[in-house]
Amino acid sequence: MTLFTTMSYAQIDSLKQESPLKISGYADIYYSYDFGNPSHHNRPNFMYAFQRHNEVNLNIGMIKASYNKENVRANIALGTGTYMNANYAAESGVLKNIYEANIGVKVSKSKDIWLDAGVLPSHIGWESAIGTDCWTLTRSIAAENSPYFETGARVSYTSDNGKLYLAGLVLNGWQRIQKVDGNNSISFGHQLTYKFNDKISINSSSFIGNDKTDSLRQMRYFHDLYANFQLNEKWALLAGFDIGVEQKEKASSQYNCWYSPVMMAHFTPNEKSRLSARLEYYNDKNGVMIPTETKNGFQTFGYSINYDYKILDNVMWRIEARGLSSKDRIFEKDNQLVPNNYFVTTSLAVSF
């Protein structure tokens, strides 16, 4: 009792702010209507976020504890929802609900160098599972078919001026907590981010590894490149390009290739509202990431427009209209295959 009667409110607030342990959370409720009207209520199988049709559902609900001190940090976050069901389908038991679980140690007294290990957010791509961190409500095809999370160890360095971030990673595989049974190989990755100034930044990320059993070993080489341009206070642009190759078979000198260019524009007229538009193309004609068993494989254009409204500082309503157009008939409409797919998605997200 004496402690609180002799301290000012400002001092008490200061103590609270200095606490190394923070609890936060995020939830995203959505409704998506696919004009193809699939009777099984599943969106196309290359989409892993907001992928249920004609039902109100939870994309992701997450609670997170973070611990941060000068020389040590740790994060653990548990999640549930249709995003977790789809992206963690290969994991077993309680691992299906681990959104993040990692520990980091600062390894230099004079420089910002950290060693982190555990289940980490992916070092690849410009989009994440947290919707309000992304310009558009649904994710690009490139983001849906590259890792959202990864497991392994990461050494990272941030320059004194904050302009350069560089990381090297040793990983269990391509979006995995547990390795594939029979896989004894190690995967690697890198990330380099450079901020030229407050308006322009560029990111380069890679993955190298085999994500199959040793008997079927097929090396995969993947690179993600994107740049952000803040044109002024209201307008921003993003340009991204993903490309990957994978051996056609074990020990082969021939490779299957896939790639995806993406352009996005972001307009913020005021503090409450924002508009975004996206153009994308994904070419995977050999079906490495998205098998279709059709003549031309997966060769698809996409376009979308998105409106966000901030109801409160931590509550956002979003709505998006999106279309996809493929070279082959790969989409479902009234129990028939068609080359086009159109859908509308809306969501209500809260963070705390």
Protein backbone atom coordinates (compact mmCIF):
# COMPACT_ATOMS: atom_id res chain seq x y z
CA MET A 1 0.00 0.00 0.00
CA THR A 2 2.84 2.39 0.87
CA LEU A 3 4.37 1.97 -2.59
CA PHE A 4 1.33 3.23 -4.44
CA THR A 5 0.57 6.09 -2.05
CA THR A 6 4.08 7.52 -2.35
CA MET A 7 4.39 7.21 -6.17
CA SER A 8 2.85 9.57 -8.71
CA TYR A 9 0.57 8.31 -11.47
CA ALA A 10 3.27 9.17 -14.00
CA GLN A 11 5.75 6.95 -12.16
CA ILE A 12 3.24 4.11 -12.05
CA ASP A 13 2.58 4.47 -15.79
CA SER A 14 6.34 4.44 -16.39
CA LEU A 15 6.67 1.15 -14.55
CA LYS A 16 3.88 -0.34 -16.61
CA GLN A 17 5.50 0.79 -19.86
CA GLU A 18 8.80 -0.75 -18.82
CA SER A 19 7.32 -4.20 -18.29
CA PRO A 20 9.14 -6.65 -20.61
CA LEU A 21 6.06 -8.87 -20.95
CA LYS A 22 3.26 -7.82 -23.27
CA ILE A 23 0.05 -9.65 -24.15
CA SER A 24 -1.67 -8.92 -27.46
CA GLY A 25 -4.29 -10.49 -29.67
CA TYR A 26 -5.90 -10.39 -33.10
CA ALA A 27 -9.12 -11.76 -34.58
CA ASP A 28 -10.48 -11.57 -38.14
CA ILE A 29 -14.11 -12.58 -38.82
CA TYR A 30 -15.06 -12.83 -42.49
CA TYR A 31 -17.72 -13.68 -45.05
CA SER A 32 -16.78 -14.58 -48.62
CA TYR A 33 -19.17 -15.22 -51.51
CA ASP A 34 -17.86 -17.12 -54.53
CA PHE A 35 -20.06 -16.60 -57.61
CA GLY A 36 -19.07 -20.09 -58.74
CA ASN A 37 -21.18 -21.26 -55.79
CA PRO A 38 -19.15 -24.38 -54.79
CA SER A 39 -21.41 -26.80 -52.92
CA HIS A 40 -18.53 -27.93 -50.67
CA HIS A 41 -18.00 -24.30 -49.49
CA ASN A 42 -14.26 -24.38 -50.24
CA ARG A 43 -12.56 -21.70 -52.28
CA PRO A 44 -9.99 -22.86 -54.92
CA ASN A 45 -7.38 -25.13 -53.37
CA PHE A 46 -4.47 -22.71 -53.94
CA MET A 47 -6.01 -20.25 -51.47
CA TYR A 48 -5.35 -20.73 -47.77
CA ALA A 49 -6.70 -17.53 -46.18
CA PHE A 50 -10.37 -16.53 -46.19
CA GLN A 51 -11.05 -19.75 -48.06
CA ARG A 52 -14.59 -20.69 -47.00
CA HIS A 53 -17.53 -19.76 -49.23
CA ASN A 54 -20.94 -18.44 -48.16
CA GLU A 55 -20.49 -18.71 -44.42
CA VAL A 56 -19.46 -16.42 -41.59
CA ASN A 57 -16.22 -17.78 -40.20
CA LEU A 58 -13.04 -16.97 -38.30
CA ASN A 59 -10.00 -16.58 -40.53
CA ILE A 60 -7.60 -16.33 -37.59
CA GLY A 61 -7.95 -15.72 -33.89
CA MET A 62 -4.63 -15.32 -32.10
CA ILE A 63 -3.33 -14.54 -28.62
CA LYS A 64 0.33 -13.64 -28.24
CA ALA A 65 2.78 -13.14 -25.38
CA SER A 66 6.00 -11.23 -26.08
CA TYR A 67 8.99 -10.81 -23.77
CA ASN A 68 11.60 -8.20 -24.65
CA LYS A 69 14.72 -7.25 -22.72
CA GLU A 70 17.95 -5.65 -23.90
CA ASN A 71 19.67 -8.98 -24.63
CA VAL A 72 16.86 -11.53 -24.85
CA ARG A 73 13.45 -11.79 -26.48
CA ALA A 74 10.77 -14.42 -26.85
CA ASN A 75 7.38 -14.80 -28.53
CA ILE A 76 4.67 -17.37 -28.27
CA ALA A 77 1.36 -17.09 -30.11
CA LEU A 78 -1.45 -19.62 -30.39
CA GLY A 79 -4.01 -19.42 -33.16
CA THR A 80 -7.17 -20.99 -34.49
CA GLY A 81 -9.45 -20.47 -37.50
CA THR A 82 -9.68 -21.48 -41.13
CA TYR A 83 -6.25 -19.97 -41.88
CA MET A 84 -4.66 -22.26 -39.28
CA ASN A 85 -6.60 -25.30 -40.54
CA ALA A 86 -5.42 -24.76 -44.12
CA ASN A 87 -1.81 -23.69 -43.58
CA TYR A 88 -0.97 -26.14 -40.79
CA ALA A 89 -2.66 -29.17 -42.34
CA ALA A 90 0.70 -31.00 -42.60
CA GLU A 91 1.43 -30.58 -38.88
CA SER A 92 0.25 -32.95 -36.17
CA GLY A 93 -1.49 -32.51 -32.82
CA VAL A 94 -1.07 -29.24 -30.96
CA LEU A 95 1.51 -28.05 -33.52
CA LYS A 96 -1.45 -27.11 -35.73
CA ASN A 97 -2.19 -24.21 -33.37
CA ILE A 98 1.31 -22.73 -33.00
CA TYR A 99 1.31 -19.44 -34.89
CA GLU A 100 4.66 -18.41 -33.47
CA ALA A 101 7.09 -19.74 -30.81
CA ASN A 102 10.66 -18.48 -30.69
CA ILE A 103 13.48 -17.27 -28.46
CA GLY A 104 16.17 -14.76 -29.39
CA VAL A 105 19.50 -13.76 -27.85
CA LYS A 106 21.53 -10.69 -28.73
CA VAL A 107 25.02 -11.92 -29.55
CA SER A 108 26.88 -8.59 -29.78
CA LYS A 109 27.32 -5.87 -27.17
CA SER A 110 28.00 -3.11 -29.67
CA LYS A 111 25.94 -4.12 -32.72
CA ASP A 112 22.30 -5.10 -33.29
CA ILE A 113 22.95 -8.79 -34.04
CA TRP A 114 20.48 -11.44 -32.90
CA LEU A 115 20.19 -15.20 -32.96
CA ASP A 116 16.54 -16.34 -32.99
CA ALA A 117 15.29 -19.92 -33.11
CA GLY A 118 11.91 -21.65 -33.17
CA VAL A 119 8.72 -21.17 -35.17
CA LEU A 120 9.16 -17.80 -36.89
CA PRO A 121 7.15 -15.58 -39.24
CA SER A 122 8.28 -16.16 -42.81
CA HIS A 123 11.15 -14.07 -44.14
CA ILE A 124 9.57 -14.29 -47.61
CA GLY A 125 6.97 -11.96 -49.10
CA TRP A 126 5.21 -8.65 -48.56
CA GLU A 127 2.07 -10.11 -46.92
CA SER A 128 1.42 -11.90 -43.65
CA ALA A 129 -1.42 -13.71 -41.87
CA ILE A 130 -2.37 -10.51 -40.00
CA GLY A 131 -4.86 -8.90 -42.34
CA THR A 132 -4.62 -5.33 -41.08
CA ASP A 133 -0.87 -5.38 -41.85
CA CYS A 134 -1.65 -6.09 -45.52
CA TRP A 135 -2.87 -3.64 -48.15
CA THR A 136 -5.59 -5.96 -49.43
CA LEU A 137 -8.11 -8.12 -47.58
CA THR A 138 -7.27 -11.41 -49.32
CA ARG A 139 -3.72 -12.44 -50.12
CA SER A 140 -2.02 -12.53 -53.51
CA ILE A 141 -1.56 -15.90 -55.21
CA ALA A 142 2.19 -15.43 -54.70
CA ALA A 143 1.76 -15.02 -50.94
CA GLU A 144 -0.66 -17.96 -50.66
CA ASN A 145 1.86 -20.26 -52.35
CA SER A 146 4.99 -19.25 -50.48
CA PRO A 147 5.66 -19.70 -46.74
CA TYR A 148 3.65 -17.80 -44.12
CA PHE A 149 5.77 -19.34 -41.34
CA GLU A 150 9.01 -21.31 -40.96
CA THR A 151 10.95 -23.22 -38.32
CA GLY A 152 14.67 -23.03 -37.73
CA ALA A 153 17.37 -20.59 -36.66
CA ARG A 154 18.01 -17.05 -37.88
CA VAL A 155 20.99 -14.74 -37.46
CA SER A 156 20.07 -11.13 -38.19
CA TYR A 157 21.84 -7.78 -38.31
CA THR A 158 20.36 -4.27 -38.38
CA SER A 159 22.69 -1.38 -39.15
CA ASP A 160 23.12 1.48 -36.70
CA ASN A 161 21.13 3.86 -38.92
CA GLY A 162 18.33 1.31 -39.39
CA LYS A 163 18.59 1.32 -43.17
CA LEU A 164 20.01 -2.18 -43.67
CA TYR A 165 18.58 -5.45 -42.38
CA LEU A 166 20.39 -8.69 -43.23
CA ALA A 167 19.52 -12.23 -42.12
CA GLY A 168 20.67 -15.79 -42.82
CA LEU A 169 18.48 -18.78 -41.95
CA VAL A 170 18.74 -22.54 -41.48
CA LEU A 171 15.28 -24.11 -41.84
CA ASN A 172 13.38 -27.38 -41.45
CA GLY A 173 11.77 -26.92 -44.87
CA TRP A 174 9.26 -24.95 -46.89
CA GLN A 175 6.55 -23.75 -44.43
CA ARG A 176 7.00 -26.56 -41.91
CA ILE A 177 7.36 -27.08 -38.19
CA GLN A 178 8.20 -30.77 -38.49
CA LYS A 179 10.28 -32.12 -41.35
CA VAL A 180 8.78 -34.50 -43.87
CA ASP A 181 9.28 -38.11 -42.75
CA GLY A 182 12.37 -39.46 -44.51
CA ASN A 183 13.82 -35.99 -45.10
CA ASN A 184 17.24 -35.47 -43.49
CA SER A 185 18.30 -32.42 -45.49
CA ILE A 186 18.63 -28.82 -44.30
CA SER A 187 17.13 -25.81 -46.04
CA PHE A 188 18.61 -22.33 -46.17
CA GLY A 189 17.41 -18.80 -46.74
CA HIS A 190 18.44 -15.16 -46.72
CA GLN A 191 16.77 -11.79 -46.36
CA LEU A 192 18.13 -8.37 -47.24
CA THR A 193 16.10 -5.19 -46.76
CA TYR A 194 17.43 -1.75 -47.55
CA LYS A 195 15.69 1.57 -46.92
CA PHE A 196 17.09 4.19 -49.28
CA ASN A 197 15.03 6.85 -47.49
CA ASP A 198 11.59 7.27 -45.92
CA LYS A 199 9.95 6.78 -49.33
CA ILE A 200 11.78 3.88 -51.01
CA SER A 201 12.77 0.44 -49.73
CA ILE A 202 13.65 -2.87 -51.38
CA ASN A 203 13.64 -6.45 -50.13
CA SER A 204 15.33 -9.61 -51.39
CA SER A 205 14.57 -13.04 -49.85
CA SER A 206 15.45 -16.58 -50.86
CA PHE A 207 14.89 -20.25 -50.08
CA ILE A 208 17.15 -23.16 -51.03
CA GLY A 209 16.31 -26.72 -50.08
CA ASN A 210 14.58 -30.03 -50.65
CA ASP A 211 11.09 -30.40 -49.18
CA LYS A 212 10.56 -34.05 -50.13
CA THR A 213 11.92 -37.34 -48.79
CA ASP A 214 15.58 -38.14 -49.41
CA SER A 215 14.54 -40.84 -51.90
CA LEU A 216 12.64 -38.23 -53.98
CA ARG A 217 15.06 -35.37 -53.37
CA GLN A 218 14.30 -32.43 -55.66
CA MET A 219 16.18 -29.21 -54.96
CA ARG A 220 14.11 -26.03 -54.94
CA TYR A 221 15.57 -22.55 -55.48
CA PHE A 222 13.24 -19.62 -54.85
CA HIS A 223 13.67 -15.85 -54.82
CA ASP A 224 11.27 -13.11 -53.71
CA LEU A 225 11.92 -9.48 -54.65
CA TYR A 226 9.76 -6.46 -53.92
CA ALA A 227 10.03 -2.69 -53.55
CA ASN A 228 7.87 -0.16 -51.71
CA PHE A 229 7.41 3.40 -52.97
CA GLN A 230 5.74 6.03 -50.76
CA LEU A 231 4.90 8.61 -53.42
CA ASN A 232 3.38 11.12 -50.99
CA GLU A 233 1.26 11.17 -47.84
CA LYS A 234 -1.70 9.57 -49.64
CA TRP A 235 -0.30 7.33 -52.38
CA ALA A 236 1.97 4.29 -52.18
CA LEU A 237 2.98 1.59 -54.68
CA LEU A 238 4.40 -1.90 -54.33
CA ALA A 239 6.04 -3.97 -57.06
CA GLY A 240 6.91 -7.60 -56.44
CA PHE A 241 8.31 -10.53 -58.39
CA ASP A 242 8.64 -14.13 -57.22
CA ILE A 243 10.45 -16.83 -59.18
CA GLY A 244 11.31 -20.42 -58.33
CA VAL A 245 12.76 -23.52 -59.96
CA GLU A 246 12.70 -27.13 -58.82
CA GLN A 247 14.40 -30.22 -60.23
CA LYS A 248 12.06 -32.27 -62.41
CA GLU A 249 13.25 -35.40 -60.65
CA LYS A 250 16.05 -36.54 -58.34
CA ALA A 251 19.55 -35.67 -59.62
CA SER A 252 18.05 -34.09 -62.75
CA SER A 253 19.76 -31.20 -64.54
CA GLN A 254 16.36 -30.04 -65.80
CA TYR A 255 14.08 -27.77 -63.79
CA ASN A 256 10.45 -26.73 -63.66
CA CYS A 257 9.97 -22.98 -63.25
CA TRP A 258 7.18 -20.84 -61.83
CA TYR A 259 6.97 -17.05 -61.41
CA SER A 260 4.61 -14.29 -60.34
CA PRO A 261 4.74 -10.50 -60.91
CA VAL A 262 2.48 -8.32 -58.71
CA MET A 263 1.64 -4.62 -58.70
CA MET A 264 -0.32 -2.90 -55.93
CA ALA A 265 -1.48 0.67 -55.34
CA HIS A 266 -2.53 2.11 -52.00
CA PHE A 267 -4.51 5.33 -51.46
CA THR A 268 -5.20 6.81 -48.02
CA PRO A 269 -7.49 9.85 -48.36
CA ASN A 270 -7.85 10.34 -44.58
CA GLU A 271 -7.14 8.68 -41.23
CA LYS A 272 -10.27 6.51 -41.38
CA SER A 273 -10.32 5.21 -44.97
CA ARG A 274 -8.02 3.62 -47.48
CA LEU A 275 -8.33 2.09 -50.95
CA SER A 276 -6.11 -0.54 -52.56
CA ALA A 277 -5.92 -2.18 -55.98
CA ARG A 278 -3.92 -5.20 -57.14
CA LEU A 279 -2.86 -6.70 -60.46
CA GLU A 280 -1.13 -10.08 -60.48
CA TYR A 281 -0.12 -12.95 -62.70
CA TYR A 282 0.96 -16.44 -61.64
CA ASN A 283 2.55 -18.89 -64.08
CA ASP A 284 3.10 -22.47 -62.91
CA LYS A 285 2.49 -24.39 -66.09
CA ASN A 286 4.30 -27.48 -64.76
CA GLY A 287 2.28 -27.59 -61.56
CA VAL A 288 5.09 -27.38 -59.01
CA MET A 289 3.11 -25.26 -56.56
CA ILE A 290 -0.41 -25.43 -58.03
CA PRO A 291 -1.08 -28.68 -59.91
CA THR A 292 -4.11 -28.56 -62.23
CA GLU A 293 -3.61 -31.62 -64.50
CA THR A 294 -4.65 -29.47 -67.47
CA LYS A 295 -2.90 -28.78 -70.77
CA ASN A 296 -1.47 -25.37 -69.88
CA GLY A 297 -1.21 -25.84 -66.14
CA PHE A 298 -1.80 -22.86 -63.87
CA GLN A 299 -1.50 -19.60 -65.81
CA THR A 300 -3.76 -17.07 -64.13
CA PHE A 301 -4.30 -13.30 -64.06
CA GLY A 302 -5.83 -11.67 -61.01
CA TYR A 303 -7.24 -8.25 -60.18
CA SER A 304 -8.90 -6.80 -57.10
CA ILE A 305 -10.08 -3.59 -55.47
CA ASN A 306 -10.28 -3.13 -51.73
CA TYR A 307 -11.83 -0.61 -49.32
CA ASP A 308 -10.96 -0.35 -45.62
CA TYR A 309 -12.66 1.71 -42.93
CA LYS A 310 -11.18 2.14 -39.46
CA ILE A 311 -14.14 2.08 -37.09
CA LEU A 312 -11.90 2.52 -34.05
CA ASP A 313 -8.12 2.66 -33.68
CA ASN A 314 -8.07 -1.14 -33.24
CA VAL A 315 -11.17 -2.17 -35.24
CA MET A 316 -11.24 -2.29 -39.04
CA TRP A 317 -13.98 -3.19 -41.53
CA ARG A 318 -12.85 -4.28 -45.00
CA ILE A 319 -14.48 -5.28 -48.27
CA GLU A 320 -12.86 -6.58 -51.46
CA ALA A 321 -14.02 -7.58 -54.94
CA ARG A 322 -11.64 -9.91 -56.79
CA GLY A 323 -11.49 -11.74 -60.11
CA LEU A 324 -9.26 -14.47 -61.52
CA SER A 325 -8.89 -15.46 -65.16
CA SER A 326 -7.01 -18.62 -66.17
CA LYS A 327 -5.83 -20.04 -69.48
CA ASP A 328 -7.51 -23.39 -68.73
CA ARG A 329 -10.83 -24.31 -67.16
CA ILE A 330 -9.67 -24.80 -63.59
CA PHE A 331 -12.40 -23.06 -61.55
CA GLU A 332 -15.71 -24.49 -60.46
CA LYS A 333 -19.07 -22.90 -61.27
CA ASP A 334 -22.35 -24.69 -60.70
CA ASN A 335 -20.53 -28.05 -60.77
CA GLN A 336 -18.80 -27.30 -64.09
CA LEU A 337 -15.24 -26.18 -64.86
CA VAL A 338 -14.78 -22.63 -66.16
CA PRO A 339 -11.74 -20.35 -66.79
CA ASN A 340 -12.88 -17.47 -64.56
CA ASN A 341 -13.62 -16.98 -60.88
CA TYR A 342 -15.20 -13.99 -59.15
CA PHE A 343 -15.80 -13.42 -55.45
CA VAL A 344 -16.47 -10.77 -52.83
CA THR A 345 -15.07 -10.88 -49.30
CA THR A 346 -15.74 -8.71 -46.27
CA SER A 347 -14.16 -8.87 -42.82
CA LEU A 348 -14.14 -7.27 -39.40
CA ALA A 349 -10.78 -7.32 -37.63
CA VAL A 350 -9.86 -6.34 -34.08
CA SER A 351 -6.47 -6.12 -32.42
CA PHE A 352 -5.55 -5.53 -28.80
